[in-house]
Amino acid sequence: MTGPLEGLRVLVPRPASGSADAEAALRVAGAEPVVVPLVRTEAVDDPTVLDAALADLRAGRYAWLAVTSAAAVGALVGRALESAEALGDVVARTKVAAVGPATARALATVGVTADLVGTSGARALADAWPTPDVAGARVLFTRGDLAGPELVDGLRAGGWAVDDVVAYRTVPAGPAPDDVVAAWRDGSISAALLTSPSTVRALAARLGPPPSGTLLACIGPTTADAARDADLPVAVVAPERTMTALVGALADAVAAAHGDAPPAPAAPDAADLDHKETR
């Protein structure tokens, strides 16, 4: 049995360390993933604020820790190791929320179980957040430098005192390989998975607009808006913010392009922070 994307090459413009879910979902669908990191993450120049927040976290001064990406997990682990501690020990007295399943899995790999896992973006996670037990209860929100304010705004509106701390930076990666640039321009790469505004902007800058017939699948409306702002044609938006849903939406778009099925519906309005959404 062949998959719905059999024989297609699909660009995954993500760091190799964060592309495993996309590669697995594409291979199950029969596609060949073409992984090209167009952005990368790096430590903040001055970790003083982050280290102070982790000290408060360790002391139990936060009711919740909010984690918005696997990259944030890595940054937290790195700073905890600077003090010769495991992240699980640092958060032992605090509840932990993950913006989505991929972030929850990243936490689980370092021994941290998420008490609250979002499914449809930052705004929905804020809506699902419990009310504070006492006035002034604190949340530590750790994020990339380009992440949006949706979760922070929602939590503050719900009565929480939120410390908004940048845990890592998103910067451009090196140039795409010449063979990938050529394949993009001649249409032999059939589609791309877009999972954050930062990857959209990097794709537009490094590769340029796709040729006619190349399909761009976006993980959510924030990413789709960034693509449209860059004059990139959006073929489909995933109905859920998971790689399985994104690849499924792409398969529907491919079928629709061949007259076999309608495309997947657009996702609800939500910030696409999971899967290393860094804007």
Protein backbone atom coordinates (compact mmCIF):
# COMPACT_ATOMS: atom_id res chain seq x y z
CA MET A 1 0.00 0.00 0.00
CA THR A 2 1.33 3.42 -0.90
CA GLY A 3 0.92 6.52 1.22
CA PRO A 4 -0.98 9.67 0.17
CA LEU A 5 2.31 11.53 -0.39
CA GLU A 6 4.10 8.67 -2.11
CA GLY A 7 7.09 9.82 -4.11
CA LEU A 8 6.88 13.49 -3.11
CA ARG A 9 9.81 15.43 -1.69
CA VAL A 10 8.73 17.71 1.17
CA LEU A 11 10.88 20.46 2.61
CA VAL A 12 11.20 20.59 6.39
CA PRO A 13 12.91 23.93 7.14
CA ARG A 14 13.63 23.11 10.79
CA PRO A 15 16.75 22.26 12.77
CA ALA A 16 17.57 18.57 12.53
CA SER A 17 17.24 18.25 16.31
CA GLY A 18 13.58 19.31 16.10
CA SER A 19 12.52 17.57 12.91
CA ALA A 20 12.03 13.98 14.06
CA ASP A 21 8.22 14.20 14.34
CA ALA A 22 7.93 15.77 10.90
CA GLU A 23 10.26 13.23 9.31
CA ALA A 24 8.38 10.31 10.86
CA ALA A 25 4.95 11.60 9.80
CA LEU A 26 6.14 12.29 6.25
CA ARG A 27 7.70 8.85 5.86
CA VAL A 28 4.52 7.17 7.08
CA ALA A 29 2.68 9.11 4.34
CA GLY A 30 5.21 7.94 1.76
CA ALA A 31 7.05 11.24 1.30
CA GLU A 32 10.78 11.94 1.31
CA PRO A 33 11.61 14.58 3.96
CA VAL A 34 14.18 17.18 2.91
CA VAL A 35 15.42 18.62 6.21
CA VAL A 36 17.13 21.99 5.83
CA PRO A 37 17.66 24.10 8.97
CA LEU A 38 16.92 27.70 7.98
CA VAL A 39 16.87 28.94 11.58
CA ARG A 40 18.63 27.81 14.72
CA THR A 41 18.39 28.55 18.41
CA GLU A 42 21.14 29.73 20.69
CA ALA A 43 21.56 30.69 24.33
CA VAL A 44 20.76 34.20 25.46
CA ASP A 45 23.78 36.48 25.71
CA ASP A 46 23.22 37.17 29.40
CA PRO A 47 21.49 34.38 31.39
CA THR A 48 21.30 36.39 34.62
CA VAL A 49 17.52 36.91 34.50
CA LEU A 50 16.89 33.29 33.54
CA ASP A 51 19.17 32.00 36.30
CA ALA A 52 17.42 34.18 38.88
CA ALA A 53 14.04 32.85 37.73
CA LEU A 54 15.30 29.28 38.03
CA ALA A 55 16.48 30.02 41.56
CA ASP A 56 12.96 31.20 42.43
CA LEU A 57 11.56 28.13 40.71
CA ARG A 58 13.85 25.88 42.73
CA ALA A 59 12.70 27.62 45.93
CA GLY A 60 9.04 27.01 45.12
CA ARG A 61 8.18 30.66 44.59
CA TYR A 62 6.23 29.91 41.39
CA ALA A 63 2.92 28.08 41.28
CA TRP A 64 3.43 27.18 37.60
CA LEU A 65 6.12 26.96 34.95
CA ALA A 66 4.88 27.51 31.39
CA VAL A 67 7.01 25.97 28.64
CA THR A 68 6.27 26.86 25.03
CA SER A 69 8.64 24.73 22.96
CA ALA A 70 11.15 21.91 22.94
CA ALA A 71 13.82 24.57 22.48
CA ALA A 72 12.78 26.16 25.77
CA VAL A 73 13.09 22.75 27.44
CA GLY A 74 16.64 22.47 26.15
CA ALA A 75 17.49 25.95 27.40
CA LEU A 76 16.12 25.20 30.85
CA VAL A 77 17.99 21.91 31.04
CA GLY A 78 21.21 23.66 30.04
CA ARG A 79 20.93 26.33 32.73
CA ALA A 80 19.97 23.76 35.38
CA LEU A 81 23.06 21.73 34.49
CA GLU A 82 25.18 24.83 35.10
CA SER A 83 24.20 24.32 38.75
CA ALA A 84 24.72 20.56 38.48
CA GLU A 85 20.99 19.94 38.81
CA ALA A 86 18.40 18.05 36.82
CA LEU A 87 15.44 20.07 35.58
CA GLY A 88 13.10 17.65 37.36
CA ASP A 89 14.65 18.63 40.68
CA VAL A 90 14.39 22.35 39.89
CA VAL A 91 10.64 22.10 39.18
CA ALA A 92 9.85 19.58 41.92
CA ARG A 93 7.74 22.11 43.87
CA THR A 94 5.99 23.64 40.86
CA LYS A 95 3.31 22.57 38.41
CA VAL A 96 4.35 22.53 34.77
CA ALA A 97 2.32 23.41 31.67
CA ALA A 98 3.32 22.56 28.10
CA VAL A 99 1.83 24.45 25.19
CA GLY A 100 1.35 21.25 23.19
CA PRO A 101 2.11 17.52 22.94
CA ALA A 102 5.54 17.95 21.37
CA THR A 103 6.67 20.18 24.22
CA ALA A 104 5.21 17.73 26.73
CA ARG A 105 7.21 14.92 25.11
CA ALA A 106 10.37 17.01 25.29
CA LEU A 107 9.74 17.55 29.00
CA ALA A 108 9.11 13.85 29.54
CA THR A 109 12.47 12.96 28.01
CA VAL A 110 14.18 14.93 30.79
CA GLY A 111 12.03 13.47 33.53
CA VAL A 112 9.39 16.20 33.86
CA THR A 113 5.70 15.37 33.58
CA ALA A 114 3.46 18.19 32.37
CA ASP A 115 0.45 18.80 34.60
CA LEU A 116 -1.35 20.71 31.85
CA VAL A 117 -0.92 20.15 28.11
CA GLY A 118 -2.45 22.46 25.54
CA THR A 119 -3.85 21.24 22.25
CA SER A 120 -4.72 24.30 20.19
CA GLY A 121 -2.35 27.13 20.91
CA ALA A 122 -1.43 29.71 23.49
CA ARG A 123 -4.81 31.42 23.76
CA ALA A 124 -6.57 28.11 24.30
CA LEU A 125 -4.00 27.11 26.90
CA ALA A 126 -4.60 30.38 28.75
CA ASP A 127 -8.33 29.69 28.66
CA ALA A 128 -7.76 26.23 30.14
CA TRP A 129 -5.47 27.52 32.88
CA PRO A 130 -6.88 27.26 36.42
CA THR A 131 -7.59 30.39 38.40
CA PRO A 132 -5.01 31.35 41.03
CA ASP A 133 -5.62 30.10 44.57
CA VAL A 134 -4.24 33.30 46.07
CA ALA A 135 -3.81 36.82 44.80
CA GLY A 136 -0.40 37.40 43.28
CA ALA A 137 0.30 33.73 42.56
CA ARG A 138 3.21 33.57 40.12
CA VAL A 139 3.82 31.89 36.79
CA LEU A 140 7.24 31.63 35.15
CA PHE A 141 6.83 31.88 31.38
CA THR A 142 9.95 30.78 29.48
CA ARG A 143 10.09 31.46 25.75
CA GLY A 144 12.11 32.31 22.68
CA ASP A 145 12.91 35.93 21.99
CA LEU A 146 10.44 36.15 19.10
CA ALA A 147 7.43 34.46 20.72
CA GLY A 148 4.18 36.38 20.91
CA PRO A 149 2.30 37.71 23.97
CA GLU A 150 -0.87 35.61 23.74
CA LEU A 151 -0.22 33.31 26.69
CA VAL A 152 1.21 36.01 28.94
CA ASP A 153 -1.69 38.35 28.19
CA GLY A 154 -4.22 35.60 28.81
CA LEU A 155 -2.69 34.56 32.14
CA ARG A 156 -2.43 38.12 33.39
CA ALA A 157 -6.05 38.71 32.43
CA GLY A 158 -6.89 35.63 34.53
CA GLY A 159 -5.28 37.10 37.63
CA TRP A 160 -1.81 35.54 37.50
CA ALA A 161 1.43 37.43 38.11
CA VAL A 162 3.59 36.37 35.16
CA ASP A 163 7.36 36.64 34.90
CA ASP A 164 8.07 36.67 31.16
CA VAL A 165 11.64 35.43 30.66
CA VAL A 166 13.51 34.86 27.40
CA ALA A 167 15.23 31.47 27.55
CA TYR A 168 16.76 31.33 24.06
CA ARG A 169 17.19 33.29 20.85
CA THR A 170 16.22 32.38 17.28
CA VAL A 171 18.75 33.35 14.62
CA PRO A 172 19.23 32.56 10.92
CA ALA A 173 21.10 29.37 10.10
CA GLY A 174 23.64 29.07 7.31
CA PRO A 175 22.75 29.09 3.60
CA ALA A 176 20.68 26.23 2.22
CA PRO A 177 22.67 23.69 0.17
CA ASP A 178 22.88 24.49 -3.54
CA ASP A 179 21.09 21.27 -4.51
CA VAL A 180 18.15 22.13 -2.25
CA VAL A 181 17.94 25.66 -3.66
CA ALA A 182 17.92 24.19 -7.19
CA ALA A 183 15.27 21.59 -6.27
CA TRP A 184 13.09 24.27 -4.70
CA ARG A 185 13.29 26.49 -7.74
CA ASP A 186 12.71 23.77 -10.33
CA GLY A 187 9.72 22.31 -8.46
CA SER A 188 11.20 18.91 -7.69
CA ILE A 189 10.44 19.67 -4.05
CA SER A 190 6.68 19.37 -4.08
CA ALA A 191 5.75 20.93 -0.75
CA ALA A 192 7.00 22.47 2.49
CA LEU A 193 5.90 22.21 6.10
CA LEU A 194 5.90 25.62 7.79
CA THR A 195 5.78 25.57 11.57
CA SER A 196 6.63 29.10 12.69
CA PRO A 197 6.77 32.67 11.40
CA SER A 198 10.56 32.59 11.80
CA THR A 199 10.89 29.67 9.41
CA VAL A 200 8.51 31.41 6.99
CA ARG A 201 10.66 34.51 6.95
CA ALA A 202 13.84 32.46 6.56
CA LEU A 203 12.35 30.45 3.70
CA ALA A 204 11.26 33.61 1.88
CA ALA A 205 14.71 35.16 2.34
CA ARG A 206 16.84 32.10 1.55
CA LEU A 207 14.80 30.22 -1.04
CA GLY A 208 12.29 32.72 -2.37
CA PRO A 209 8.72 32.02 -3.45
CA PRO A 210 7.91 28.49 -4.58
CA PRO A 211 7.14 27.68 -8.18
CA SER A 212 3.55 27.13 -9.21
CA GLY A 213 2.31 23.78 -7.92
CA THR A 214 4.50 23.65 -4.80
CA LEU A 215 2.22 23.42 -1.77
CA LEU A 216 2.87 25.22 1.51
CA ALA A 217 1.24 23.65 4.59
CA CYS A 218 1.12 25.77 7.76
CA ILE A 219 0.74 24.43 11.29
CA GLY A 220 -1.61 27.22 12.37
CA PRO A 221 -3.02 30.64 11.55
CA THR A 222 -0.13 32.64 13.01
CA THR A 223 2.28 30.88 10.69
CA ALA A 224 -0.18 31.16 7.80
CA ASP A 225 -0.52 34.91 8.36
CA ALA A 226 3.27 35.25 8.28
CA ALA A 227 3.36 33.35 4.99
CA ARG A 228 0.73 35.58 3.43
CA ASP A 229 2.56 38.66 4.70
CA ALA A 230 5.62 37.35 2.86
CA ASP A 231 3.54 36.85 -0.30
CA LEU A 232 3.84 33.08 -0.07
CA PRO A 233 0.80 31.05 -1.17
CA VAL A 234 -0.74 29.01 1.64
CA ALA A 235 -2.25 25.75 0.41
CA VAL A 236 -3.62 24.49 3.71
CA VAL A 237 -3.61 25.10 7.48
CA ALA A 238 -3.57 22.13 9.83
CA PRO A 239 -6.73 21.62 11.91
CA GLU A 240 -4.59 20.77 14.96
CA ARG A 241 -1.10 21.83 15.94
CA THR A 242 0.59 18.45 15.60
CA MET A 243 2.88 17.10 12.90
CA THR A 244 0.45 14.27 12.20
CA ALA A 245 -2.32 16.78 11.55
CA LEU A 246 -0.02 18.98 9.47
CA VAL A 247 1.08 16.12 7.24
CA GLY A 248 -2.52 14.94 7.00
CA ALA A 249 -3.60 18.41 5.89
CA LEU A 250 -0.86 18.40 3.28
CA ALA A 251 -2.07 15.03 2.01
CA ASP A 252 -5.59 16.48 1.70
CA ALA A 253 -4.22 19.47 -0.20
CA VAL A 254 -2.32 17.18 -2.58
CA ALA A 255 -5.48 15.15 -3.17
CA ALA A 256 -7.47 18.34 -3.75
CA ALA A 257 -4.88 19.56 -6.24
CA HIS A 258 -5.47 16.36 -8.18
CA GLY A 259 -9.25 16.67 -7.87
CA ASP A 260 -9.57 13.81 -5.39
CA ALA A 261 -10.72 15.52 -2.18
CA PRO A 262 -11.32 18.90 -0.55
CA PRO A 263 -8.48 20.43 1.44
CA ALA A 264 -8.43 20.28 5.23
CA PRO A 265 -10.23 23.12 7.05
CA ALA A 266 -8.24 25.99 8.50
CA ALA A 267 -7.24 25.77 12.13
CA PRO A 268 -8.93 27.90 14.80
CA ASP A 269 -7.26 31.19 15.67
CA ALA A 270 -4.36 30.26 17.95
CA ALA A 271 -0.70 31.10 18.31
CA ASP A 272 1.47 28.31 16.96
CA LEU A 273 3.99 27.99 19.75
CA ASP A 274 4.41 24.22 19.89
CA HIS A 275 6.98 22.55 17.62
CA LYS A 276 9.41 25.35 18.36
CA GLU A 277 7.22 28.20 17.32
CA THR A 278 9.57 31.12 17.70
CA ARG A 279 8.19 33.68 15.28
